Structure formats: structure tokens, C-alpha cells
Amino acid sequence: KLTLKDFGKYLADMMFGPLSETDQTEYLLQVLGYVLIFPAVFVLLLCWSMKKRGVMKTYKEYYNVASIASILPLFITFILSWFIPKVAPIYGALFCAFTLFVFIKINSTPELTD
């Protein structure tokens, strides 16, 4: 009889069994870079470029909006990672596109700028 625990072990062995320890470490560092370092730098650059003509004025405001906007790209990446194990770079592209869209939408809303 196949239990849920056995199925989880089978999936983990299928996805990560062929990877060596070096590959696992490299993949973990890539994920940390994409999830922690890249968004902070990207938001800082957007904050500097949009600060003068937008509604939001502080880095904290930009970072808070970006953290909320990152939920959808993170969810999409999480779902895709079950089917494509090395999908972490897609998160960076989704995060950039969606966050830039959200910042432009917020900073160009007439009701907020008045």
C-alpha cells in the first residue's frame, strides 16, 4: 500500500536524487540570490529612478509593495518547480516584470498623486 509519506519520499528521490551535493549547494545559493539579494537591489534601483515623480517616496514603501507583489511570481515559480526542478531564474524575470508593472501603476494613478 502506497502511503503519502512513501509518495513524498519517491518524489524527493526523483527530483533531487540525481543531484550531487555540489549541485544542491549551488542550487540553494542561486535560490537565495534570486529570492533575497536580487529583489532588494532591484527595488533599490526602482526606488532611485521613480522617487521624484511618484507617490511613494521612501525605500520602505517600495520594498513593502514589492514584497506583496512578489507573492504571485513566487507562487507561479513554486508550482513550476514541481515539474521543472531548475526553474529559479524564471522567478527573477517574473518578479521584475510584475513589480515594475505594479510600481508604474501605483505611481501613475491620478487619485494617489493629488
C-alpha atoms as a PDB file:
ATOM      1  CA  LYS A   1       0.000   0.000   0.000  1.00  0.00           C
ATOM      2  CA  LEU A   2       1.398   3.385  -1.025  1.00  0.00           C
ATOM      3  CA  THR A   3       1.175   5.990   1.718  1.00  0.00           C
ATOM      4  CA  LEU A   4       1.530   9.742   1.406  1.00  0.00           C
ATOM      5  CA  LYS A   5       4.921   9.564   3.137  1.00  0.00           C
ATOM      6  CA  ASP A   6       6.172   6.977   0.646  1.00  0.00           C
ATOM      7  CA  PHE A   7       4.912   9.083  -2.241  1.00  0.00           C
ATOM      8  CA  GLY A   8       6.717  12.169  -0.857  1.00  0.00           C
ATOM      9  CA  LYS A   9       9.949  10.188  -0.491  1.00  0.00           C
ATOM     10  CA  TYR A  10       9.568   8.888  -4.042  1.00  0.00           C
ATOM     11  CA  LEU A  11       9.076  12.437  -5.403  1.00  0.00           C
ATOM     12  CA  ALA A  12      12.072  13.761  -3.463  1.00  0.00           C
ATOM     13  CA  ASP A  13      14.271  10.916  -4.723  1.00  0.00           C
ATOM     14  CA  MET A  14      13.147  11.507  -8.294  1.00  0.00           C
ATOM     15  CA  MET A  15      13.774  15.261  -8.161  1.00  0.00           C
ATOM     16  CA  PHE A  16      16.899  15.517  -6.016  1.00  0.00           C
ATOM     17  CA  GLY A  17      18.352  12.014  -6.055  1.00  0.00           C
ATOM     18  CA  PRO A  18      20.428  12.510  -9.219  1.00  0.00           C
ATOM     19  CA  LEU A  19      21.853  15.818  -7.970  1.00  0.00           C
ATOM     20  CA  SER A  20      25.195  15.714  -6.239  1.00  0.00           C
ATOM     21  CA  GLU A  21      25.913  17.645  -3.045  1.00  0.00           C
ATOM     22  CA  THR A  22      27.707  20.326  -5.074  1.00  0.00           C
ATOM     23  CA  ASP A  23      24.689  20.748  -7.353  1.00  0.00           C
ATOM     24  CA  GLN A  24      22.359  21.002  -4.357  1.00  0.00           C
ATOM     25  CA  THR A  25      24.552  23.674  -2.731  1.00  0.00           C
ATOM     26  CA  GLU A  26      24.819  25.614  -5.974  1.00  0.00           C
ATOM     27  CA  TYR A  27      21.069  25.461  -6.491  1.00  0.00           C
ATOM     28  CA  LEU A  28      20.423  26.611  -2.906  1.00  0.00           C
ATOM     29  CA  LEU A  29      22.750  29.606  -3.355  1.00  0.00           C
ATOM     30  CA  GLN A  30      21.027  30.508  -6.622  1.00  0.00           C
ATOM     31  CA  VAL A  31      17.623  30.394  -4.971  1.00  0.00           C
ATOM     32  CA  LEU A  32      18.812  32.554  -2.060  1.00  0.00           C
ATOM     33  CA  GLY A  33      20.271  35.053  -4.503  1.00  0.00           C
ATOM     34  CA  TYR A  34      17.069  35.223  -6.542  1.00  0.00           C
ATOM     35  CA  VAL A  35      14.763  35.411  -3.535  1.00  0.00           C
ATOM     36  CA  LEU A  36      16.713  37.656  -1.131  1.00  0.00           C
ATOM     37  CA  ILE A  37      19.502  39.651  -2.779  1.00  0.00           C
ATOM     38  CA  PHE A  38      18.128  40.318  -6.268  1.00  0.00           C
ATOM     39  CA  PRO A  39      14.764  41.781  -5.142  1.00  0.00           C
ATOM     40  CA  ALA A  40      16.446  44.128  -2.661  1.00  0.00           C
ATOM     41  CA  VAL A  41      18.820  45.511  -5.303  1.00  0.00           C
ATOM     42  CA  PHE A  42      16.064  45.725  -7.934  1.00  0.00           C
ATOM     43  CA  VAL A  43      13.757  47.615  -5.576  1.00  0.00           C
ATOM     44  CA  LEU A  44      16.583  49.975  -4.621  1.00  0.00           C
ATOM     45  CA  LEU A  45      17.206  50.804  -8.284  1.00  0.00           C
ATOM     46  CA  LEU A  46      13.498  51.352  -8.939  1.00  0.00           C
ATOM     47  CA  CYS A  47      13.228  53.495  -5.816  1.00  0.00           C
ATOM     48  CA  TRP A  48      16.052  55.734  -7.006  1.00  0.00           C
ATOM     49  CA  SER A  49      14.604  56.046 -10.501  1.00  0.00           C
ATOM     50  CA  MET A  50      10.943  56.620  -9.559  1.00  0.00           C
ATOM     51  CA  LYS A  51      11.303  58.618  -6.351  1.00  0.00           C
ATOM     52  CA  LYS A  52      10.899  62.115  -7.829  1.00  0.00           C
ATOM     53  CA  ARG A  53       7.799  61.570  -9.923  1.00  0.00           C
ATOM     54  CA  GLY A  54       5.845  59.026  -7.957  1.00  0.00           C
ATOM     55  CA  VAL A  55       3.608  58.777  -4.926  1.00  0.00           C
ATOM     56  CA  MET A  56       5.923  56.594  -2.910  1.00  0.00           C
ATOM     57  CA  LYS A  57       8.946  58.408  -1.502  1.00  0.00           C
ATOM     58  CA  THR A  58      10.843  56.024   0.804  1.00  0.00           C
ATOM     59  CA  TYR A  59      12.647  52.743   0.206  1.00  0.00           C
ATOM     60  CA  LYS A  60      10.474  51.137   2.875  1.00  0.00           C
ATOM     61  CA  GLU A  61       7.312  51.912   0.876  1.00  0.00           C
ATOM     62  CA  TYR A  62       8.816  50.467  -2.290  1.00  0.00           C
ATOM     63  CA  TYR A  63      10.103  47.372  -0.500  1.00  0.00           C
ATOM     64  CA  ASN A  64       6.734  46.738   1.179  1.00  0.00           C
ATOM     65  CA  VAL A  65       4.896  46.965  -2.144  1.00  0.00           C
ATOM     66  CA  ALA A  66       7.497  44.739  -3.809  1.00  0.00           C
ATOM     67  CA  SER A  67       7.189  42.123  -1.073  1.00  0.00           C
ATOM     68  CA  ILE A  68       3.437  41.979  -1.604  1.00  0.00           C
ATOM     69  CA  ALA A  69       3.873  41.982  -5.395  1.00  0.00           C
ATOM     70  CA  SER A  70       6.345  39.089  -5.168  1.00  0.00           C
ATOM     71  CA  ILE A  71       3.668  36.699  -3.892  1.00  0.00           C
ATOM     72  CA  LEU A  72       2.253  35.934  -7.350  1.00  0.00           C
ATOM     73  CA  PRO A  73       5.644  35.300  -9.061  1.00  0.00           C
ATOM     74  CA  LEU A  74       6.757  33.209  -6.086  1.00  0.00           C
ATOM     75  CA  PHE A  75       3.570  31.131  -6.247  1.00  0.00           C
ATOM     76  CA  ILE A  76       3.967  30.580 -10.009  1.00  0.00           C
ATOM     77  CA  THR A  77       7.617  29.600  -9.547  1.00  0.00           C
ATOM     78  CA  PHE A  78       6.707  27.226  -6.731  1.00  0.00           C
ATOM     79  CA  ILE A  79       4.111  25.475  -8.895  1.00  0.00           C
ATOM     80  CA  LEU A  80       6.509  25.248 -11.864  1.00  0.00           C
ATOM     81  CA  SER A  81       9.316  23.910  -9.667  1.00  0.00           C
ATOM     82  CA  TRP A  82       7.346  20.696  -9.129  1.00  0.00           C
ATOM     83  CA  PHE A  83       7.584  19.996 -12.852  1.00  0.00           C
ATOM     84  CA  ILE A  84      10.849  21.752 -13.781  1.00  0.00           C
ATOM     85  CA  PRO A  85      13.393  21.451 -10.915  1.00  0.00           C
ATOM     86  CA  LYS A  86      15.767  24.235 -12.035  1.00  0.00           C
ATOM     87  CA  VAL A  87      13.189  26.962 -12.534  1.00  0.00           C
ATOM     88  CA  ALA A  88      14.647  29.557 -10.121  1.00  0.00           C
ATOM     89  CA  PRO A  89      15.800  32.024 -12.840  1.00  0.00           C
ATOM     90  CA  ILE A  90      12.196  32.345 -14.014  1.00  0.00           C
ATOM     91  CA  TYR A  91      11.350  33.893 -10.632  1.00  0.00           C
ATOM     92  CA  GLY A  92      13.728  36.778 -11.314  1.00  0.00           C
ATOM     93  CA  ALA A  93      12.096  37.602 -14.643  1.00  0.00           C
ATOM     94  CA  LEU A  94       8.554  37.273 -13.259  1.00  0.00           C
ATOM     95  CA  PHE A  95       9.443  39.367 -10.212  1.00  0.00           C
ATOM     96  CA  CYS A  96      10.981  42.153 -12.329  1.00  0.00           C
ATOM     97  CA  ALA A  97       8.111  42.338 -14.763  1.00  0.00           C
ATOM     98  CA  PHE A  98       5.307  42.180 -12.223  1.00  0.00           C
ATOM     99  CA  THR A  99       6.940  44.548  -9.704  1.00  0.00           C
ATOM    100  CA  LEU A 100       7.735  47.098 -12.402  1.00  0.00           C
ATOM    101  CA  PHE A 101       4.113  46.894 -13.589  1.00  0.00           C
ATOM    102  CA  VAL A 102       2.827  47.425 -10.025  1.00  0.00           C
ATOM    103  CA  PHE A 103       5.153  50.386  -9.356  1.00  0.00           C
ATOM    104  CA  ILE A 104       4.218  52.107 -12.615  1.00  0.00           C
ATOM    105  CA  LYS A 105       0.527  51.514 -11.930  1.00  0.00           C
ATOM    106  CA  ILE A 106       0.759  52.943  -8.383  1.00  0.00           C
ATOM    107  CA  ASN A 107       2.925  55.922  -9.354  1.00  0.00           C
ATOM    108  CA  SER A 108       0.738  56.885 -12.311  1.00  0.00           C
ATOM    109  CA  THR A 109      -2.643  56.627 -10.582  1.00  0.00           C
ATOM    110  CA  PRO A 110      -4.143  60.153 -10.649  1.00  0.00           C
ATOM    111  CA  GLU A 111      -6.128  59.732  -7.404  1.00  0.00           C
ATOM    112  CA  LEU A 112      -2.951  58.968  -5.464  1.00  0.00           C
ATOM    113  CA  THR A 113      -0.809  61.737  -6.936  1.00  0.00           C
ATOM    114  CA  ASP A 114      -3.154  64.601  -5.962  1.00  0.00           C
END
